[in-house]
Amino acid sequence: MKSFKIYLSMLVFSMSFMSCEVRTTNNARGVGSKSIPPGQAKKNYGTKSAKPFAPGQNK
């Protein structure tokens, strides 16, 4: 009976770890993620002006 309790507790313990799920998101401009500065975006895309990448400068 003692070994049954040990096996049962090990089963419950292992099932608790298998039920955990890790989620990661890789959004460039998603909610809660840090976006890169306009100057760095300009360098990455090879444009001459950083104005299109600045959120306050869009018309």
Protein backbone atom coordinates (compact mmCIF):
# COMPACT_ATOMS: atom_id res chain seq x y z
CA MET A 1 0.00 0.00 0.00
CA LYS A 2 2.89 2.33 0.75
CA SER A 3 4.42 1.77 -2.69
CA PHE A 4 1.02 2.45 -4.30
CA LYS A 5 0.89 5.86 -2.62
CA ILE A 6 4.41 6.64 -3.78
CA TYR A 7 3.59 5.68 -7.39
CA LEU A 8 0.36 7.63 -7.25
CA SER A 9 2.10 10.74 -5.92
CA MET A 10 4.81 10.43 -8.61
CA LEU A 11 2.11 10.13 -11.26
CA VAL A 12 0.30 13.23 -10.02
CA PHE A 13 3.58 15.14 -9.80
CA SER A 14 4.61 14.20 -13.34
CA MET A 15 1.15 15.02 -14.72
CA SER A 16 1.35 18.49 -13.19
CA PHE A 17 4.52 19.18 -15.20
CA MET A 18 3.08 17.80 -18.43
CA SER A 19 0.08 20.08 -18.17
CA CYS A 20 2.26 23.22 -18.18
CA GLU A 21 2.44 25.05 -21.48
CA VAL A 22 4.86 27.77 -22.48
CA ARG A 23 3.77 30.30 -25.09
CA THR A 24 6.05 32.80 -26.75
CA THR A 25 5.24 35.35 -29.41
CA ASN A 26 7.62 37.14 -31.70
CA ASN A 27 5.68 40.17 -32.88
CA ALA A 28 7.67 43.04 -34.32
CA ARG A 29 5.05 45.64 -33.40
CA GLY A 30 2.58 43.66 -31.31
CA VAL A 31 0.96 44.75 -28.09
CA GLY A 32 3.41 44.57 -25.21
CA SER A 33 6.48 44.10 -27.37
CA LYS A 34 9.25 46.63 -27.75
CA SER A 35 9.62 48.08 -31.23
CA ILE A 36 12.95 49.17 -32.58
CA PRO A 37 13.77 52.91 -32.76
CA PRO A 38 13.04 54.71 -36.06
CA GLY A 39 16.74 55.23 -36.80
CA GLN A 40 17.49 51.54 -36.39
CA ALA A 41 14.52 50.60 -38.62
CA LYS A 42 15.87 53.01 -41.25
CA LYS A 43 19.21 51.20 -41.19
CA ASN A 44 17.57 47.77 -41.41
CA TYR A 45 15.41 48.66 -44.41
CA GLY A 46 18.04 50.81 -46.15
CA THR A 47 15.90 53.91 -46.59
CA LYS A 48 17.21 57.47 -46.49
CA SER A 49 14.69 58.85 -44.00
CA ALA A 50 13.48 57.58 -40.63
CA LYS A 51 10.26 59.59 -40.90
CA PRO A 52 8.06 56.67 -42.09
CA PHE A 53 9.12 54.60 -39.07
CA ALA A 54 8.41 57.28 -36.44
CA PRO A 55 4.84 56.86 -35.10
CA GLY A 56 4.30 60.58 -34.52
CA GLN A 57 5.49 61.58 -37.98
CA ASN A 58 3.01 59.62 -40.11
CA LYS A 59 0.56 61.70 -42.12
